[in-house]
Amino acid sequence: QDGDIIRIDLDARRVDTHPVRDGGPVRAAGEV
């Protein structure tokens, strides 16, 4: 969601988010 904090650490080779939220499938087109 907007405002969730994303941390990218190239040295640790990690990409994390806080909080971690469950979400249903998201499609750019909506209906297939």
Full PDB file with SEQRES, HELIX, SHEET, SSBOND, CRYST1, ORIGX, SCALE, CONECT and MASTER records, all heavy atoms in Angstrom:
SEQRES   1 A   32  GLN ASP GLY ASP ILE ILE ARG ILE ASP LEU ASP ALA ARG          
SEQRES   2 A   32  ARG VAL ASP THR HIS PRO VAL ARG ASP GLY GLY PRO VAL          
SEQRES   3 A   32  ARG ALA ALA GLY GLU VAL                                      
SHEET    1 AA1 2 ILE A   5  ASP A   9  0                                        
SHEET    2 AA1 2 ARG A  14  HIS A  18 -1                                        
CRYST1    1.000    1.000    1.000  90.00  90.00  90.00 P 1           1          
ORIGX1      1.000000  0.000000  0.000000        0.00000                         
ORIGX2      0.000000  1.000000  0.000000        0.00000                         
ORIGX3      0.000000  0.000000  1.000000        0.00000                         
SCALE1      1.000000  0.000000  0.000000        0.00000                         
SCALE2      0.000000  1.000000  0.000000        0.00000                         
SCALE3      0.000000  0.000000  1.000000        0.00000                         
ATOM      1  N   GLN A   1       0.840  -1.189   0.000  1.00  0.00           N  
ATOM      2  CA  GLN A   1       0.000   0.000   0.000  1.00  0.00           C  
ATOM      3  C   GLN A   1       0.874   1.238   0.000  1.00  0.00           C  
ATOM      4  O   GLN A   1       2.042   1.200   0.441  1.00  0.00           O  
ATOM      5  CB  GLN A   1      -0.916   0.012   1.223  1.00  0.00           C  
ATOM      6  CG  GLN A   1      -1.917  -1.131   1.276  1.00  0.00           C  
ATOM      7  CD  GLN A   1      -2.806  -1.081   2.497  1.00  0.00           C  
ATOM      8  OE1 GLN A   1      -2.837  -0.083   3.223  1.00  0.00           O  
ATOM      9  NE2 GLN A   1      -3.544  -2.160   2.739  1.00  0.00           N  
ATOM     10  N   ASP A   2       0.336   2.342  -0.494  1.00  0.00           N  
ATOM     11  CA  ASP A   2       1.066   3.608  -0.440  1.00  0.00           C  
ATOM     12  C   ASP A   2       1.521   3.891   0.990  1.00  0.00           C  
ATOM     13  O   ASP A   2       0.742   3.750   1.944  1.00  0.00           O  
ATOM     14  CB  ASP A   2       0.186   4.762  -0.920  1.00  0.00           C  
ATOM     15  CG  ASP A   2      -0.021   4.761  -2.420  1.00  0.00           C  
ATOM     16  OD1 ASP A   2       0.725   4.066  -3.124  1.00  0.00           O  
ATOM     17  OD2 ASP A   2      -0.952   5.454  -2.892  1.00  0.00           O  
ATOM     18  N   GLY A   3       2.782   4.272   1.108  1.00  0.00           N  
ATOM     19  CA  GLY A   3       3.311   4.619   2.419  1.00  0.00           C  
ATOM     20  C   GLY A   3       4.041   3.485   3.109  1.00  0.00           C  
ATOM     21  O   GLY A   3       4.807   3.734   4.061  1.00  0.00           O  
ATOM     22  N   ASP A   4       3.815   2.221   2.696  1.00  0.00           N  
ATOM     23  CA  ASP A   4       4.585   1.123   3.263  1.00  0.00           C  
ATOM     24  C   ASP A   4       6.072   1.361   2.976  1.00  0.00           C  
ATOM     25  O   ASP A   4       6.441   1.866   1.909  1.00  0.00           O  
ATOM     26  CB  ASP A   4       4.171  -0.212   2.661  1.00  0.00           C  
ATOM     27  CG  ASP A   4       2.789  -0.658   3.096  1.00  0.00           C  
ATOM     28  OD1 ASP A   4       2.210  -0.005   3.992  1.00  0.00           O  
ATOM     29  OD2 ASP A   4       2.287  -1.659   2.538  1.00  0.00           O  
ATOM     30  N   ILE A   5       6.912   1.008   3.936  1.00  0.00           N  
ATOM     31  CA  ILE A   5       8.345   1.253   3.786  1.00  0.00           C  
ATOM     32  C   ILE A   5       9.013   0.071   3.081  1.00  0.00           C  
ATOM     33  O   ILE A   5       8.858  -1.081   3.491  1.00  0.00           O  
ATOM     34  CB  ILE A   5       9.011   1.494   5.156  1.00  0.00           C  
ATOM     35  CG1 ILE A   5       8.389   2.719   5.839  1.00  0.00           C  
ATOM     36  CG2 ILE A   5      10.518   1.689   4.989  1.00  0.00           C  
ATOM     37  CD1 ILE A   5       8.518   4.007   5.031  1.00  0.00           C  
ATOM     38  N   ILE A   6       9.736   0.399   2.020  1.00  0.00           N  
ATOM     39  CA  ILE A   6      10.509  -0.596   1.286  1.00  0.00           C  
ATOM     40  C   ILE A   6      11.993  -0.317   1.515  1.00  0.00           C  
ATOM     41  O   ILE A   6      12.448   0.827   1.385  1.00  0.00           O  
ATOM     42  CB  ILE A   6      10.189  -0.559  -0.214  1.00  0.00           C  
ATOM     43  CG1 ILE A   6       8.721  -0.943  -0.456  1.00  0.00           C  
ATOM     44  CG2 ILE A   6      11.117  -1.489  -0.993  1.00  0.00           C  
ATOM     45  CD1 ILE A   6       8.292  -0.846  -1.889  1.00  0.00           C  
ATOM     46  N   ARG A   7      12.735  -1.372   1.866  1.00  0.00           N  
ATOM     47  CA  ARG A   7      14.171  -1.254   2.099  1.00  0.00           C  
ATOM     48  C   ARG A   7      14.920  -2.109   1.072  1.00  0.00           C  
ATOM     49  O   ARG A   7      14.651  -3.303   0.939  1.00  0.00           O  
ATOM     50  CB  ARG A   7      14.545  -1.701   3.513  1.00  0.00           C  
ATOM     51  CG  ARG A   7      13.884  -0.863   4.595  1.00  0.00           C  
ATOM     52  CD  ARG A   7      14.325  -1.290   5.992  1.00  0.00           C  
ATOM     53  NE  ARG A   7      13.614  -0.526   7.000  1.00  0.00           N  
ATOM     54  CZ  ARG A   7      13.934   0.691   7.398  1.00  0.00           C  
ATOM     55  NH1 ARG A   7      15.028   1.282   6.885  1.00  0.00           N  
ATOM     56  NH2 ARG A   7      13.233   1.313   8.315  1.00  0.00           N  
ATOM     57  N   ILE A   8      15.838  -1.470   0.379  1.00  0.00           N  
ATOM     58  CA  ILE A   8      16.680  -2.154  -0.609  1.00  0.00           C  
ATOM     59  C   ILE A   8      18.112  -2.089  -0.112  1.00  0.00           C  
ATOM     60  O   ILE A   8      18.634  -1.006   0.183  1.00  0.00           O  
ATOM     61  CB  ILE A   8      16.568  -1.464  -1.985  1.00  0.00           C  
ATOM     62  CG1 ILE A   8      15.109  -1.452  -2.462  1.00  0.00           C  
ATOM     63  CG2 ILE A   8      17.467  -2.151  -3.007  1.00  0.00           C  
ATOM     64  CD1 ILE A   8      14.873  -0.529  -3.639  1.00  0.00           C  
ATOM     65  N   ASP A   9      18.758  -3.230   0.016  1.00  0.00           N  
ATOM     66  CA  ASP A   9      20.141  -3.295   0.496  1.00  0.00           C  
ATOM     67  C   ASP A   9      20.945  -4.139  -0.488  1.00  0.00           C  
ATOM     68  O   ASP A   9      20.859  -5.363  -0.493  1.00  0.00           O  
ATOM     69  CB  ASP A   9      20.188  -3.904   1.899  1.00  0.00           C  
ATOM     70  CG  ASP A   9      21.571  -3.791   2.538  1.00  0.00           C  
ATOM     71  OD1 ASP A   9      22.573  -3.786   1.792  1.00  0.00           O  
ATOM     72  OD2 ASP A   9      21.645  -3.727   3.780  1.00  0.00           O  
ATOM     73  N   LEU A  10      21.718  -3.470  -1.334  1.00  0.00           N  
ATOM     74  CA  LEU A  10      22.484  -4.182  -2.351  1.00  0.00           C  
ATOM     75  C   LEU A  10      23.604  -5.012  -1.740  1.00  0.00           C  
ATOM     76  O   LEU A  10      23.950  -6.067  -2.274  1.00  0.00           O  
ATOM     77  CB  LEU A  10      23.054  -3.195  -3.370  1.00  0.00           C  
ATOM     78  CG  LEU A  10      22.040  -2.345  -4.148  1.00  0.00           C  
ATOM     79  CD1 LEU A  10      22.760  -1.495  -5.186  1.00  0.00           C  
ATOM     80  CD2 LEU A  10      20.980  -3.204  -4.801  1.00  0.00           C  
ATOM     81  N   ASP A  11      24.176  -4.548  -0.629  1.00  0.00           N  
ATOM     82  CA  ASP A  11      25.256  -5.301  -0.005  1.00  0.00           C  
ATOM     83  C   ASP A  11      24.735  -6.595   0.615  1.00  0.00           C  
ATOM     84  O   ASP A  11      25.373  -7.649   0.493  1.00  0.00           O  
ATOM     85  CB  ASP A  11      25.945  -4.440   1.055  1.00  0.00           C  
ATOM     86  CG  ASP A  11      26.688  -3.255   0.444  1.00  0.00           C  
ATOM     87  OD1 ASP A  11      27.183  -3.398  -0.687  1.00  0.00           O  
ATOM     88  OD2 ASP A  11      26.755  -2.195   1.092  1.00  0.00           O  
ATOM     89  N   ALA A  12      23.591  -6.511   1.285  1.00  0.00           N  
ATOM     90  CA  ALA A  12      22.985  -7.706   1.880  1.00  0.00           C  
ATOM     91  C   ALA A  12      22.192  -8.510   0.856  1.00  0.00           C  
ATOM     92  O   ALA A  12      21.754  -9.628   1.154  1.00  0.00           O  
ATOM     93  CB  ALA A  12      22.082  -7.310   3.039  1.00  0.00           C  
ATOM     94  N   ARG A  13      21.982  -7.917  -0.325  1.00  0.00           N  
ATOM     95  CA  ARG A  13      21.204  -8.536  -1.408  1.00  0.00           C  
ATOM     96  C   ARG A  13      19.795  -8.899  -0.937  1.00  0.00           C  
ATOM     97  O   ARG A  13      19.321 -10.011  -1.106  1.00  0.00           O  
ATOM     98  CB  ARG A  13      21.944  -9.745  -1.999  1.00  0.00           C  
ATOM     99  CG  ARG A  13      23.315  -9.340  -2.572  1.00  0.00           C  
ATOM    100  CD  ARG A  13      23.980 -10.397  -3.398  1.00  0.00           C  
ATOM    101  NE  ARG A  13      25.273  -9.879  -3.881  1.00  0.00           N  
ATOM    102  CZ  ARG A  13      26.114 -10.524  -4.678  1.00  0.00           C  
ATOM    103  NH1 ARG A  13      25.787 -11.739  -5.100  1.00  0.00           N  
ATOM    104  NH2 ARG A  13      27.254  -9.988  -5.060  1.00  0.00           N  
ATOM    105  N   ARG A  14      19.146  -7.850  -0.386  1.00  0.00           N  
ATOM    106  CA  ARG A  14      17.791  -8.037   0.141  1.00  0.00           C  
ATOM    107  C   ARG A  14      16.895  -6.894  -0.321  1.00  0.00           C  
ATOM    108  O   ARG A  14      17.346  -5.751  -0.530  1.00  0.00           O  
ATOM    109  CB  ARG A  14      17.779  -8.065   1.675  1.00  0.00           C  
ATOM    110  CG  ARG A  14      18.426  -9.298   2.274  1.00  0.00           C  
ATOM    111  CD  ARG A  14      18.116  -9.418   3.762  1.00  0.00           C  
ATOM    112  NE  ARG A  14      16.682  -9.529   4.029  1.00  0.00           N  
ATOM    113  CZ  ARG A  14      16.000 -10.675   4.015  1.00  0.00           C  
ATOM    114  NH1 ARG A  14      16.609 -11.815   3.730  1.00  0.00           N  
ATOM    115  NH2 ARG A  14      14.700 -10.678   4.281  1.00  0.00           N  
ATOM    116  N   VAL A  15      15.616  -7.215  -0.459  1.00  0.00           N  
ATOM    117  CA  VAL A  15      14.579  -6.211  -0.667  1.00  0.00           C  
ATOM    118  C   VAL A  15      13.407  -6.608   0.225  1.00  0.00           C  
ATOM    119  O   VAL A  15      12.843  -7.697   0.088  1.00  0.00           O  
ATOM    120  CB  VAL A  15      14.168  -6.088  -2.156  1.00  0.00           C  
ATOM    121  CG1 VAL A  15      13.744  -7.430  -2.752  1.00  0.00           C  
ATOM    122  CG2 VAL A  15      13.082  -5.042  -2.337  1.00  0.00           C  
ATOM    123  N   ASP A  16      13.071  -5.734   1.175  1.00  0.00           N  
ATOM    124  CA  ASP A  16      12.074  -6.037   2.196  1.00  0.00           C  
ATOM    125  C   ASP A  16      11.047  -4.919   2.276  1.00  0.00           C  
ATOM    126  O   ASP A  16      11.296  -3.776   1.856  1.00  0.00           O  
ATOM    127  CB  ASP A  16      12.741  -6.209   3.564  1.00  0.00           C  
ATOM    128  CG  ASP A  16      13.662  -7.404   3.619  1.00  0.00           C  
ATOM    129  OD1 ASP A  16      13.148  -8.535   3.641  1.00  0.00           O  
ATOM    130  OD2 ASP A  16      14.894  -7.205   3.630  1.00  0.00           O  
ATOM    131  N   THR A  17       9.904  -5.243   2.833  1.00  0.00           N  
ATOM    132  CA  THR A  17       8.848  -4.263   3.048  1.00  0.00           C  
ATOM    133  C   THR A  17       8.298  -4.403   4.458  1.00  0.00           C  
ATOM    134  O   THR A  17       8.305  -5.494   5.037  1.00  0.00           O  
ATOM    135  CB  THR A  17       7.706  -4.428   2.028  1.00  0.00           C  
ATOM    136  OG1 THR A  17       6.724  -3.428   2.258  1.00  0.00           O  
ATOM    137  CG2 THR A  17       7.065  -5.800   2.144  1.00  0.00           C  
ATOM    138  N   HIS A  18       7.869  -3.283   4.998  1.00  0.00           N  
ATOM    139  CA  HIS A  18       7.208  -3.283   6.313  1.00  0.00           C  
ATOM    140  C   HIS A  18       5.999  -2.353   6.255  1.00  0.00           C  
ATOM    141  O   HIS A  18       6.128  -1.213   5.849  1.00  0.00           O  
ATOM    142  CB  HIS A  18       8.166  -2.806   7.411  1.00  0.00           C  
ATOM    143  CG  HIS A  18       7.536  -2.816   8.779  1.00  0.00           C  
ATOM    144  ND1 HIS A  18       7.357  -3.979   9.497  1.00  0.00           N  
ATOM    145  CD2 HIS A  18       7.016  -1.807   9.526  1.00  0.00           C  
ATOM    146  CE1 HIS A  18       6.773  -3.698  10.640  1.00  0.00           C  
ATOM    147  NE2 HIS A  18       6.559  -2.383  10.689  1.00  0.00           N  
ATOM    148  N   PRO A  19       4.839  -2.877   6.644  1.00  0.00           N  
ATOM    149  CA  PRO A  19       4.576  -4.270   7.019  1.00  0.00           C  
ATOM    150  C   PRO A  19       4.462  -5.159   5.782  1.00  0.00           C  
ATOM    151  O   PRO A  19       4.366  -4.664   4.668  1.00  0.00           O  
ATOM    152  CB  PRO A  19       3.243  -4.175   7.752  1.00  0.00           C  
ATOM    153  CG  PRO A  19       2.552  -3.033   7.066  1.00  0.00           C  
ATOM    154  CD  PRO A  19       3.630  -2.041   6.734  1.00  0.00           C  
ATOM    155  N   VAL A  20       4.469  -6.476   6.014  1.00  0.00           N  
ATOM    156  CA  VAL A  20       4.196  -7.433   4.951  1.00  0.00           C  
ATOM    157  C   VAL A  20       2.706  -7.720   4.961  1.00  0.00           C  
ATOM    158  O   VAL A  20       2.169  -8.176   5.961  1.00  0.00           O  
ATOM    159  CB  VAL A  20       4.988  -8.746   5.149  1.00  0.00           C  
ATOM    160  CG1 VAL A  20       4.662  -9.727   4.027  1.00  0.00           C  
ATOM    161  CG2 VAL A  20       6.481  -8.464   5.201  1.00  0.00           C  
ATOM    162  N   ARG A  21       2.040  -7.411   3.860  1.00  0.00           N  
ATOM    163  CA  ARG A  21       0.586  -7.551   3.790  1.00  0.00           C  
ATOM    164  C   ARG A  21       0.216  -8.642   2.788  1.00  0.00           C  
ATOM    165  O   ARG A  21       0.855  -8.783   1.755  1.00  0.00           O  
ATOM    166  CB  ARG A  21      -0.071  -6.242   3.353  1.00  0.00           C  
ATOM    167  CG  ARG A  21       0.274  -5.026   4.192  1.00  0.00           C  
ATOM    168  CD  ARG A  21      -0.404  -3.791   3.597  1.00  0.00           C  
ATOM    169  NE  ARG A  21       0.065  -2.551   4.182  1.00  0.00           N  
ATOM    170  CZ  ARG A  21      -0.465  -1.986   5.257  1.00  0.00           C  
ATOM    171  NH1 ARG A  21      -1.476  -2.579   5.866  1.00  0.00           N  
ATOM    172  NH2 ARG A  21       0.007  -0.841   5.725  1.00  0.00           N  
ATOM    173  N   ASP A  22      -0.824  -9.371   3.109  1.00  0.00           N  
ATOM    174  CA  ASP A  22      -1.383 -10.304   2.144  1.00  0.00           C  
ATOM    175  C   ASP A  22      -2.197  -9.526   1.118  1.00  0.00           C  
ATOM    176  O   ASP A  22      -2.809  -8.504   1.433  1.00  0.00           O  
ATOM    177  CB  ASP A  22      -2.289 -11.324   2.830  1.00  0.00           C  
ATOM    178  CG  ASP A  22      -1.495 -12.262   3.730  1.00  0.00           C  
ATOM    179  OD1 ASP A  22      -0.324 -12.504   3.409  1.00  0.00           O  
ATOM    180  OD2 ASP A  22      -2.052 -12.732   4.743  1.00  0.00           O  
ATOM    181  N   GLY A  23      -2.203 -10.016  -0.096  1.00  0.00           N  
ATOM    182  CA  GLY A  23      -2.988  -9.366  -1.142  1.00  0.00           C  
ATOM    183  C   GLY A  23      -3.464 -10.367  -2.165  1.00  0.00           C  
ATOM    184  O   GLY A  23      -2.761 -11.346  -2.454  1.00  0.00           O  
ATOM    185  N   GLY A  24      -4.632 -10.134  -2.701  1.00  0.00           N  
ATOM    186  CA  GLY A  24      -5.128 -10.979  -3.772  1.00  0.00           C  
ATOM    187  C   GLY A  24      -4.404 -10.665  -5.060  1.00  0.00           C  
ATOM    188  O   GLY A  24      -3.663  -9.678  -5.162  1.00  0.00           O  
ATOM    189  N   PRO A  25      -4.579 -11.509  -6.067  1.00  0.00           N  
ATOM    190  CA  PRO A  25      -3.907 -11.274  -7.347  1.00  0.00           C  
ATOM    191  C   PRO A  25      -4.211  -9.883  -7.907  1.00  0.00           C  
ATOM    192  O   PRO A  25      -5.354  -9.432  -7.889  1.00  0.00           O  
ATOM    193  CB  PRO A  25      -4.473 -12.374  -8.245  1.00  0.00           C  
ATOM    194  CG  PRO A  25      -4.921 -13.448  -7.300  1.00  0.00           C  
ATOM    195  CD  PRO A  25      -5.401 -12.724  -6.084  1.00  0.00           C  
ATOM    196  N   VAL A  26      -3.169  -9.207  -8.380  1.00  0.00           N  
ATOM    197  CA  VAL A  26      -3.306  -7.885  -8.976  1.00  0.00           C  
ATOM    198  C   VAL A  26      -2.896  -7.982 -10.437  1.00  0.00           C  
ATOM    199  O   VAL A  26      -1.782  -8.419 -10.753  1.00  0.00           O  
ATOM    200  CB  VAL A  26      -2.432  -6.836  -8.252  1.00  0.00           C  
ATOM    201  CG1 VAL A  26      -2.500  -5.499  -8.972  1.00  0.00           C  
ATOM    202  CG2 VAL A  26      -2.852  -6.691  -6.805  1.00  0.00           C  
ATOM    203  N   ARG A  27      -3.787  -7.577 -11.325  1.00  0.00           N  
ATOM    204  CA  ARG A  27      -3.522  -7.591 -12.762  1.00  0.00           C  
ATOM    205  C   ARG A  27      -3.669  -6.188 -13.318  1.00  0.00           C  
ATOM    206  O   ARG A  27      -4.642  -5.499 -13.011  1.00  0.00           O  
ATOM    207  CB  ARG A  27      -4.502  -8.522 -13.488  1.00  0.00           C  
ATOM    208  CG  ARG A  27      -4.378  -9.989 -13.106  1.00  0.00           C  
ATOM    209  CD  ARG A  27      -5.384 -10.822 -13.874  1.00  0.00           C  
ATOM    210  NE  ARG A  27      -5.260 -12.233 -13.578  1.00  0.00           N  
ATOM    211  CZ  ARG A  27      -4.420 -13.058 -14.202  1.00  0.00           C  
ATOM    212  NH1 ARG A  27      -3.643 -12.583 -15.159  1.00  0.00           N  
ATOM    213  NH2 ARG A  27      -4.344 -14.329 -13.879  1.00  0.00           N  
ATOM    214  N   ALA A  28      -2.729  -5.796 -14.150  1.00  0.00           N  
ATOM    215  CA  ALA A  28      -2.786  -4.466 -14.740  1.00  0.00           C  
ATOM    216  C   ALA A  28      -4.001  -4.310 -15.636  1.00  0.00           C  
ATOM    217  O   ALA A  28      -4.580  -3.228 -15.742  1.00  0.00           O  
ATOM    218  CB  ALA A  28      -1.512  -4.191 -15.535  1.00  0.00           C  
ATOM    219  N   ALA A  29      -4.400  -5.397 -16.266  1.00  0.00           N  
ATOM    220  CA  ALA A  29      -5.489  -5.304 -17.242  1.00  0.00           C  
ATOM    221  C   ALA A  29      -6.862  -5.510 -16.624  1.00  0.00           C  
ATOM    222  O   ALA A  29      -7.871  -5.334 -17.288  1.00  0.00           O  
ATOM    223  CB  ALA A  29      -5.284  -6.339 -18.341  1.00  0.00           C  
ATOM    224  N   GLY A  30      -6.912  -5.901 -15.343  1.00  0.00           N  
ATOM    225  CA  GLY A  30      -8.206  -6.243 -14.767  1.00  0.00           C  
ATOM    226  C   GLY A  30      -8.632  -7.609 -15.260  1.00  0.00           C  
ATOM    227  O   GLY A  30      -8.083  -8.615 -14.857  1.00  0.00           O  
ATOM    228  N   GLU A  31      -9.594  -7.649 -16.170  1.00  0.00           N  
ATOM    229  CA  GLU A  31     -10.095  -8.918 -16.702  1.00  0.00           C  
ATOM    230  C   GLU A  31      -9.155  -9.465 -17.779  1.00  0.00           C  
ATOM    231  O   GLU A  31      -8.650  -8.716 -18.612  1.00  0.00           O  
ATOM    232  CB  GLU A  31     -11.490  -8.734 -17.299  1.00  0.00           C  
ATOM    233  CG  GLU A  31     -12.557  -8.356 -16.267  1.00  0.00           C  
ATOM    234  CD  GLU A  31     -12.765  -9.459 -15.240  1.00  0.00           C  
ATOM    235  OE1 GLU A  31     -12.719 -10.644 -15.625  1.00  0.00           O  
ATOM    236  OE2 GLU A  31     -12.953  -9.136 -14.058  1.00  0.00           O  
ATOM    237  N   VAL A  32      -8.950 -10.767 -17.748  1.00  0.00           N  
ATOM    238  CA  VAL A  32      -8.137 -11.427 -18.775  1.00  0.00           C  
ATOM    239  C   VAL A  32      -8.978 -11.580 -20.030  1.00  0.00           C  
ATOM    240  O   VAL A  32     -10.134 -12.007 -19.956  1.00  0.00           O  
ATOM    241  CB  VAL A  32      -7.673 -12.814 -18.288  1.00  0.00           C  
ATOM    242  CG1 VAL A  32      -6.912 -13.537 -19.395  1.00  0.00           C  
ATOM    243  CG2 VAL A  32      -6.804 -12.670 -17.048  1.00  0.00           C  
TER     244      VAL A  32                                                      
MASTER        0    0    0    0    2    0    0    6  243    1    0    3          
END                                                                             
